[in-house]
Structures are given as structure tokens and as C-alpha cells.
Amino acid sequence: MMLRFKGCRKIFCEEMASSIGNEKSVNPVLRISQLDALELNKALEQLVWSQFTSCFHGFKPGVLAHFEPEVKAFLCLILWKFTIYSKNATVGQAILNIQYKNNLAQTEKYQPLSKHQKLWYLIFTVGGRWLEERCYDLFSNRQQQSFGRIKSCISFGSGLIKLCGLLNFLIFLQKGTFATLTERILGIRSVFCKPQSVRQVGFEYMNRELLWHGFAEFLIYLLPLVNVQKLKLKISSWCLPITGLSNSENTLAAHCRECSLCGEWPTMPHTIGCPHVFCYYCIKSNFLFDMYFTCPKCGSEVHSLQPLKYKIEMAELHI
């Protein structure tokens, strides 16, 4: 019994040790995450450069033109000091919970970058970009044969490096490691800072979004079919019911002082067969828009559009 207990305890300890070792091991990073980190790094460099140049808007134009490669290299040096040198990760990688690992170490556990790898990373990224920009200015106005040869050699080397970068990118798309040529040369690899847990997807939010979008599309389809003008007039006739009106001439004379649609003095007053009066243009435009137009006051349909003939005392006009 004791031997069985000791055997179970030994197996349990071995499983715990293996699980701890697995927790310390690194996890590979998705290709899309590595590409997103590179794009975030480029966006950060552009943002820093735009903020820096905005400080010189009040100066003479072209102040930074002669020293632009050096200024950019200096700003990239500061970024390198507080990112790669201090935290083994760029800003884009830190946002995505990624960091660099020394892939030259013969172990699956995480190993930070060595100082030599960090310095060579600075030389390849910042120094190479500065050399490319500055060499164009140095040899553009030189006419000597020696300078022409140097310029052609530099152009050939730059093109060769870009070709190698393209081949490296194709290999990266296939294998998913070493997104840039610098990472492959230095043997540095992108890994997650912490183990990634299994993502729990909740479908309640998605269900609400699908229902809402479906309802919104249904409303967009339904609204053009609804006669808003007629509905408005119907509701107004319900809210303001008019009772006790007759079709006599006295009732028409009492209600002919304002249009039932615009509320102004009726211009070319017309009637539709009910006791209310309308401007000709008001009733004509509404009837052309809706052939089932009804009076907003009493809800009567348009039987016939006839001009109203009545006599109004001059005293009423002055009132």
C-alpha cells in the first residue's frame, strides 16, 4: 500500500514539473500578429517624426532638410533605447503582448536578447536606413569616376538586400517565423510574453448585434413603403377631432380665414367637399403627392377640388 502511494506521488510530482516546464516554454506568434507589430512600429515612427517637425513650423522652411537623416536616426536611437534595449520588444510588440527571444540558445525556454544582438539590431535597422538616405545626398552631386563606382556598388547592395528581404518574407509566410531579414540574420524570434489561454467566445453579444442589424435593415426596407404624410394627417385628425360641423355656407365663411394645411390666410382658397378651406397650392401639391389624401381636420377624402366663392367684409380683413 505504501509502495503504491509513493508511486502515485512520484507520478504526480513528475506531472507537476512537466506542467511548470511547459508554462515556462515559449508560444509561437501568429503571422498576422507579427505583421501588425511591424505596422504599429512604422505608425509610431511617423507619429514621432510629425510631432517633432511640428515644433519647427515657426522657423524658416527647410531648416531640417540638411540634417533630416541624422535627426531621424537620433529619434530611432531613443526609441531603440527604451524598447529593444530595455524590454526586448518594440512598441508594437508590447501592445500585442509579444517580445523577442534569443533563438540561438539551444532551449525551448525563454532567453532574452544578448547585448550583441541588440547592438546589431540597432546597426541593421537605424544605421542601414541612415546610410541609405545619406549616401544618396553624398554621391548625387559627385562627378568623379570613383564616386560613381561607389554609388553603383551601394545601389547594387541595396537592391540585393531588398531581394533577400522579399525572399525572407515569402519564407515567413510559409513557416511563420522571422518576419524581417534582420530577425533571421540575428537569430531573434517573436514569442508571446505570457502563455495564451483558450479564448472563450460569448455569442450573446453577437446575437444582439445580428438581431439589431436585421431589425434595422427591415426598417430601412419598410420606411419607403409607409405614407408618412397620410399617417401624420390621420394622427392629427385623431388628436384634434372636429365635431358639429356642417356643409353650410356660414360654416365655410367661419373657417375660411386660414388654410387647414399651412395655417396662413388662404391663397386662391379651395375646398375638397368638407367645411375646411385650403390654399390651392397646398391642397394641389398634397393631392398630387398622395391620391388618397384626407383632410387633416376632419379626415374627409377629396371628392372634388373646387374654388371657394365667398364674400368677406372689409372690416374682417383689417382685423
Protein backbone atom coordinates (compact mmCIF):
# COMPACT_ATOMS: atom_id res chain seq x y z
CA MET A 1 0.00 0.00 0.00
CA MET A 2 2.83 2.38 0.92
CA LEU A 3 4.70 1.49 -2.29
CA ARG A 4 1.60 2.27 -4.36
CA PHE A 5 1.19 5.61 -2.57
CA LYS A 6 4.85 6.52 -3.17
CA GLY A 7 4.49 5.57 -6.85
CA CYS A 8 1.42 7.78 -7.29
CA ARG A 9 3.18 10.63 -5.50
CA LYS A 10 6.20 10.33 -7.80
CA ILE A 11 4.00 10.35 -10.92
CA PHE A 12 2.13 13.40 -9.60
CA CYS A 13 5.39 15.29 -8.95
CA GLU A 14 6.65 14.48 -12.45
CA GLU A 15 3.42 15.75 -14.00
CA MET A 16 3.63 18.98 -11.98
CA ALA A 17 7.23 19.51 -13.03
CA SER A 18 6.37 18.94 -16.67
CA SER A 19 3.43 21.34 -16.46
CA ILE A 20 5.64 24.01 -14.90
CA GLY A 21 8.20 23.48 -17.64
CA ASN A 22 5.51 23.82 -20.27
CA GLU A 23 4.32 27.07 -18.70
CA LYS A 24 7.86 28.47 -18.95
CA SER A 25 8.21 27.39 -22.56
CA VAL A 26 7.50 29.91 -25.29
CA ASN A 27 4.48 30.03 -27.53
CA PRO A 28 4.72 30.81 -31.27
CA VAL A 29 3.18 34.02 -32.53
CA LEU A 30 0.69 34.18 -35.38
CA ARG A 31 1.83 35.71 -38.65
CA ILE A 32 -0.84 38.38 -38.54
CA SER A 33 0.27 39.46 -35.07
CA GLN A 34 3.88 39.86 -36.21
CA LEU A 35 2.81 41.90 -39.25
CA ASP A 36 0.56 44.04 -37.06
CA ALA A 37 3.50 44.75 -34.76
CA LEU A 38 5.60 45.92 -37.72
CA GLU A 39 2.83 48.23 -38.92
CA LEU A 40 2.43 49.67 -35.42
CA ASN A 41 6.17 50.37 -35.29
CA LYS A 42 6.01 52.26 -38.60
CA ALA A 43 3.00 54.25 -37.43
CA LEU A 44 4.80 55.18 -34.20
CA GLU A 45 7.88 56.39 -36.10
CA GLN A 46 5.73 58.53 -38.38
CA LEU A 47 3.86 59.95 -35.39
CA VAL A 48 7.07 60.84 -33.56
CA TRP A 49 8.52 62.46 -36.68
CA SER A 50 5.37 64.50 -37.35
CA GLN A 51 5.28 65.69 -33.73
CA PHE A 52 8.96 66.62 -33.91
CA THR A 53 8.64 68.54 -37.18
CA SER A 54 5.61 70.42 -35.86
CA CYS A 55 7.94 72.09 -33.33
CA PHE A 56 9.75 73.81 -36.23
CA HIS A 57 6.74 75.26 -38.04
CA GLY A 58 7.65 78.76 -36.87
CA PHE A 59 11.19 78.55 -38.24
CA LYS A 60 12.48 79.12 -41.74
CA PRO A 61 11.30 76.40 -44.19
CA GLY A 62 13.93 73.76 -44.88
CA VAL A 63 15.74 74.00 -41.54
CA LEU A 64 15.71 70.22 -41.05
CA ALA A 65 16.24 69.33 -44.71
CA HIS A 66 20.05 69.15 -44.46
CA PHE A 67 20.04 67.11 -41.24
CA GLU A 68 16.89 65.02 -41.72
CA PRO A 69 18.65 61.58 -41.89
CA GLU A 70 20.65 62.32 -38.73
CA VAL A 71 17.59 63.61 -36.84
CA LYS A 72 15.55 60.54 -37.81
CA ALA A 73 18.41 58.27 -36.76
CA PHE A 74 18.64 60.06 -33.40
CA LEU A 75 14.90 59.68 -32.76
CA CYS A 76 15.06 55.99 -33.70
CA LEU A 77 18.03 55.60 -31.35
CA ILE A 78 15.93 56.96 -28.47
CA LEU A 79 13.08 54.59 -29.34
CA TRP A 80 15.54 51.67 -29.50
CA LYS A 81 16.92 52.57 -26.06
CA PHE A 82 13.52 52.44 -24.37
CA THR A 83 12.12 49.46 -26.32
CA ILE A 84 14.54 46.83 -27.63
CA TYR A 85 17.41 47.60 -25.27
CA SER A 86 15.24 47.86 -22.14
CA LYS A 87 12.32 45.50 -22.74
CA ASN A 88 13.38 43.17 -25.60
CA ALA A 89 10.32 44.30 -27.55
CA THR A 90 9.26 47.12 -29.82
CA VAL A 91 6.26 49.31 -29.06
CA GLY A 92 4.04 47.38 -31.46
CA GLN A 93 5.10 44.08 -29.90
CA ALA A 94 4.48 45.36 -26.37
CA ILE A 95 0.94 46.37 -27.36
CA LEU A 96 0.27 42.86 -28.73
CA ASN A 97 1.90 41.07 -25.76
CA ILE A 98 4.91 39.98 -27.86
CA GLN A 99 8.65 40.16 -27.25
CA TYR A 100 11.88 38.99 -28.86
CA LYS A 101 13.55 35.73 -27.88
CA ASN A 102 17.14 34.69 -28.45
CA ASN A 103 16.58 31.84 -30.89
CA LEU A 104 20.29 30.95 -30.94
CA ALA A 105 20.00 29.50 -27.44
CA GLN A 106 19.54 25.72 -27.60
CA THR A 107 16.50 25.65 -25.34
CA GLU A 108 12.76 25.99 -25.65
CA LYS A 109 12.54 28.25 -22.62
CA TYR A 110 12.59 31.98 -22.99
CA GLN A 111 16.02 33.59 -23.32
CA PRO A 112 16.35 37.39 -23.60
CA LEU A 113 18.43 39.01 -26.29
CA SER A 114 22.14 39.44 -25.73
CA LYS A 115 23.78 42.87 -25.85
CA HIS A 116 25.48 42.00 -29.13
CA GLN A 117 22.13 41.13 -30.72
CA LYS A 118 20.63 44.41 -29.50
CA LEU A 119 23.55 46.45 -30.86
CA TRP A 120 23.49 44.68 -34.23
CA TYR A 121 19.73 45.22 -34.36
CA LEU A 122 20.39 48.95 -33.93
CA ILE A 123 23.05 48.91 -36.66
CA PHE A 124 20.92 46.98 -39.15
CA THR A 125 17.72 48.97 -38.64
CA VAL A 126 18.75 52.51 -37.75
CA GLY A 127 22.25 52.54 -39.29
CA GLY A 128 21.20 50.90 -42.51
CA ARG A 129 18.35 53.33 -43.05
CA TRP A 130 20.60 56.32 -42.30
CA LEU A 131 23.29 55.05 -44.67
CA GLU A 132 20.79 54.61 -47.49
CA GLU A 133 19.37 58.12 -47.09
CA ARG A 134 22.72 59.86 -46.58
CA CYS A 135 24.58 58.11 -49.41
CA TYR A 136 22.10 59.46 -51.91
CA ASP A 137 22.93 63.02 -50.82
CA LEU A 138 26.66 62.38 -50.67
CA PHE A 139 27.08 60.89 -54.14
CA SER A 140 24.27 62.62 -56.05
CA ASN A 141 26.40 65.67 -56.95
CA ARG A 142 29.76 63.87 -57.34
CA GLN A 143 31.04 63.53 -60.88
CA GLN A 144 34.29 61.63 -60.29
CA GLN A 145 34.62 58.07 -61.54
CA SER A 146 35.47 56.66 -58.11
CA PHE A 147 32.37 58.14 -56.54
CA GLY A 148 30.30 56.79 -59.41
CA ARG A 149 31.59 53.29 -58.74
CA ILE A 150 30.86 53.59 -55.04
CA LYS A 151 27.36 54.81 -55.76
CA SER A 152 26.72 51.92 -58.17
CA CYS A 153 28.02 49.42 -55.61
CA ILE A 154 25.79 50.88 -52.91
CA SER A 155 22.78 50.76 -55.25
CA PHE A 156 23.57 47.15 -56.14
CA GLY A 157 23.90 46.24 -52.46
CA SER A 158 20.63 47.98 -51.60
CA GLY A 159 18.81 46.11 -54.35
CA LEU A 160 20.33 42.81 -53.24
CA ILE A 161 19.22 43.41 -49.65
CA LYS A 162 15.68 44.20 -50.81
CA LEU A 163 15.64 40.99 -52.86
CA CYS A 164 16.79 38.99 -49.84
CA GLY A 165 14.08 40.70 -47.78
CA LEU A 166 11.46 39.61 -50.33
CA LEU A 167 12.68 36.00 -50.21
CA ASN A 168 12.67 36.13 -46.41
CA PHE A 169 9.10 37.41 -46.44
CA LEU A 170 7.99 34.53 -48.67
CA ILE A 171 9.64 32.06 -46.29
CA PHE A 172 7.97 33.83 -43.38
CA LEU A 173 4.55 33.40 -44.99
CA GLN A 174 5.23 29.68 -45.28
CA LYS A 175 6.82 28.94 -41.89
CA GLY A 176 5.63 31.83 -39.71
CA THR A 177 9.00 32.77 -38.16
CA PHE A 178 11.41 35.70 -38.73
CA ALA A 179 9.19 38.36 -40.25
CA THR A 180 12.15 40.53 -41.29
CA LEU A 181 15.58 39.80 -42.69
CA THR A 182 17.20 41.37 -39.60
CA GLU A 183 15.46 38.89 -37.31
CA ARG A 184 16.67 35.95 -39.40
CA ILE A 185 20.28 37.18 -39.53
CA LEU A 186 20.47 37.89 -35.79
CA GLY A 187 18.52 34.80 -34.78
CA ILE A 188 15.81 36.63 -32.84
CA ARG A 189 12.25 35.35 -32.81
CA SER A 190 8.91 36.81 -31.77
CA VAL A 191 7.17 34.98 -28.91
CA PHE A 192 4.32 35.74 -26.54
CA CYS A 193 5.24 37.30 -23.19
CA LYS A 194 2.66 35.19 -21.36
CA PRO A 195 1.03 31.87 -22.26
CA GLN A 196 -2.10 32.42 -24.29
CA SER A 197 -5.19 30.87 -22.76
CA VAL A 198 -8.00 29.38 -24.78
CA ARG A 199 -10.33 32.14 -25.85
CA GLN A 200 -13.88 31.83 -24.58
CA VAL A 201 -16.23 33.21 -27.19
CA GLY A 202 -19.57 34.51 -25.95
CA PHE A 203 -22.32 34.59 -28.53
CA GLU A 204 -24.79 36.76 -26.61
CA TYR A 205 -23.27 39.97 -27.94
CA MET A 206 -23.17 38.60 -31.48
CA ASN A 207 -26.80 37.52 -31.25
CA ARG A 208 -27.84 41.00 -30.14
CA GLU A 209 -25.85 42.57 -32.97
CA LEU A 210 -27.38 40.24 -35.56
CA LEU A 211 -30.90 40.92 -34.30
CA TRP A 212 -30.35 44.67 -34.25
CA HIS A 213 -28.86 44.74 -37.76
CA GLY A 214 -31.69 42.58 -39.06
CA PHE A 215 -34.28 44.89 -37.48
CA ALA A 216 -32.51 47.98 -38.86
CA GLU A 217 -32.45 46.52 -42.39
CA PHE A 218 -36.14 45.66 -42.08
CA LEU A 219 -36.94 49.27 -41.11
CA ILE A 220 -34.85 50.62 -43.98
CA TYR A 221 -36.82 48.41 -46.35
CA LEU A 222 -40.20 49.24 -44.77
CA LEU A 223 -39.99 53.03 -44.32
CA PRO A 224 -40.22 53.95 -48.04
CA LEU A 225 -43.46 51.96 -48.25
CA VAL A 226 -45.10 53.95 -45.43
CA ASN A 227 -47.03 57.08 -46.38
CA VAL A 228 -45.73 59.35 -43.66
CA GLN A 229 -47.81 62.34 -44.75
CA LYS A 230 -51.05 60.42 -44.62
CA LEU A 231 -50.14 58.86 -41.30
CA LYS A 232 -49.35 62.27 -39.84
CA LEU A 233 -52.64 63.71 -41.03
CA LYS A 234 -54.52 60.71 -39.67
CA ILE A 235 -52.92 61.07 -36.23
CA SER A 236 -53.60 64.80 -36.18
CA SER A 237 -57.25 64.18 -37.04
CA TRP A 238 -57.48 61.74 -34.13
CA CYS A 239 -55.79 64.11 -31.70
CA LEU A 240 -57.87 67.12 -32.79
CA PRO A 241 -61.34 65.78 -33.53
CA ILE A 242 -63.77 68.23 -35.06
CA THR A 243 -67.44 67.61 -34.43
CA GLY A 244 -70.64 69.51 -35.06
CA LEU A 245 -69.55 70.93 -38.44
CA SER A 246 -71.98 71.26 -41.32
CA ASN A 247 -71.52 71.92 -45.00
CA SER A 248 -73.45 75.16 -44.86
CA GLU A 249 -72.16 78.36 -46.34
CA ASN A 250 -71.96 80.02 -42.89
CA THR A 251 -69.57 77.32 -41.63
CA LEU A 252 -67.35 77.76 -44.66
CA ALA A 253 -67.27 81.51 -44.13
CA ALA A 254 -66.29 80.98 -40.47
CA HIS A 255 -63.37 78.68 -41.35
CA CYS A 256 -62.10 80.36 -44.49
CA ARG A 257 -59.74 82.72 -42.68
CA GLU A 258 -56.84 80.23 -42.58
CA CYS A 259 -55.61 77.27 -44.63
CA SER A 260 -56.04 73.96 -42.86
CA LEU A 261 -52.57 72.88 -44.03
CA CYS A 262 -50.24 75.88 -43.73
CA GLY A 263 -52.24 77.90 -41.18
CA GLU A 264 -51.94 81.13 -43.22
CA TRP A 265 -54.54 83.25 -44.97
CA PRO A 266 -55.76 81.04 -47.86
CA THR A 267 -54.36 81.97 -51.26
CA MET A 268 -56.80 81.07 -54.02
CA PRO A 269 -58.98 79.21 -51.49
CA HIS A 270 -60.34 75.82 -52.50
CA THR A 271 -62.41 73.17 -50.80
CA ILE A 272 -62.48 69.39 -51.13
CA GLY A 273 -66.10 68.92 -50.11
CA CYS A 274 -65.66 69.37 -46.35
CA PRO A 275 -66.17 72.52 -44.23
CA HIS A 276 -62.46 73.42 -44.32
CA VAL A 277 -60.57 75.64 -46.72
CA PHE A 278 -57.12 75.17 -48.27
CA CYS A 279 -54.70 77.16 -50.36
CA TYR A 280 -54.76 75.99 -53.93
CA TYR A 281 -51.07 75.16 -54.00
CA CYS A 282 -51.20 73.42 -50.60
CA ILE A 283 -54.08 71.12 -51.46
CA LYS A 284 -52.91 70.52 -55.03
CA SER A 285 -49.36 69.52 -54.04
CA ASN A 286 -50.59 67.22 -51.27
CA PHE A 287 -53.19 65.63 -53.53
CA LEU A 288 -50.59 65.03 -56.27
CA PHE A 289 -48.25 63.51 -53.71
CA ASP A 290 -50.97 61.28 -52.22
CA MET A 291 -54.05 60.40 -54.23
CA TYR A 292 -55.69 59.16 -51.02
CA PHE A 293 -55.22 62.49 -49.25
CA THR A 294 -57.70 63.28 -46.47
CA CYS A 295 -58.46 66.48 -44.61
CA PRO A 296 -56.20 66.84 -41.57
CA LYS A 297 -59.04 68.38 -39.57
CA CYS A 298 -61.93 66.04 -40.15
CA GLY A 299 -60.47 63.16 -42.19
CA SER A 300 -62.71 63.65 -45.23
CA GLU A 301 -61.42 62.34 -48.54
CA VAL A 302 -61.01 64.55 -51.60
CA HIS A 303 -64.24 64.34 -53.57
CA SER A 304 -63.74 67.32 -55.82
CA LEU A 305 -61.32 70.24 -55.79
CA GLN A 306 -63.42 73.37 -56.22
CA PRO A 307 -62.65 77.05 -55.75
CA LEU A 308 -64.41 78.73 -52.85
CA LYS A 309 -66.60 81.77 -53.62
CA TYR A 310 -67.46 83.87 -50.60
CA LYS A 311 -67.83 87.45 -49.50
CA ILE A 312 -65.83 88.91 -46.64
CA GLU A 313 -66.47 92.25 -45.08
CA MET A 314 -63.60 94.76 -45.27
CA ALA A 315 -63.69 95.07 -41.51
CA GLU A 316 -62.73 91.42 -41.19
CA LEU A 317 -59.74 91.97 -43.46
CA HIS A 318 -58.48 94.78 -41.24
CA ILE A 319 -58.91 92.57 -38.18
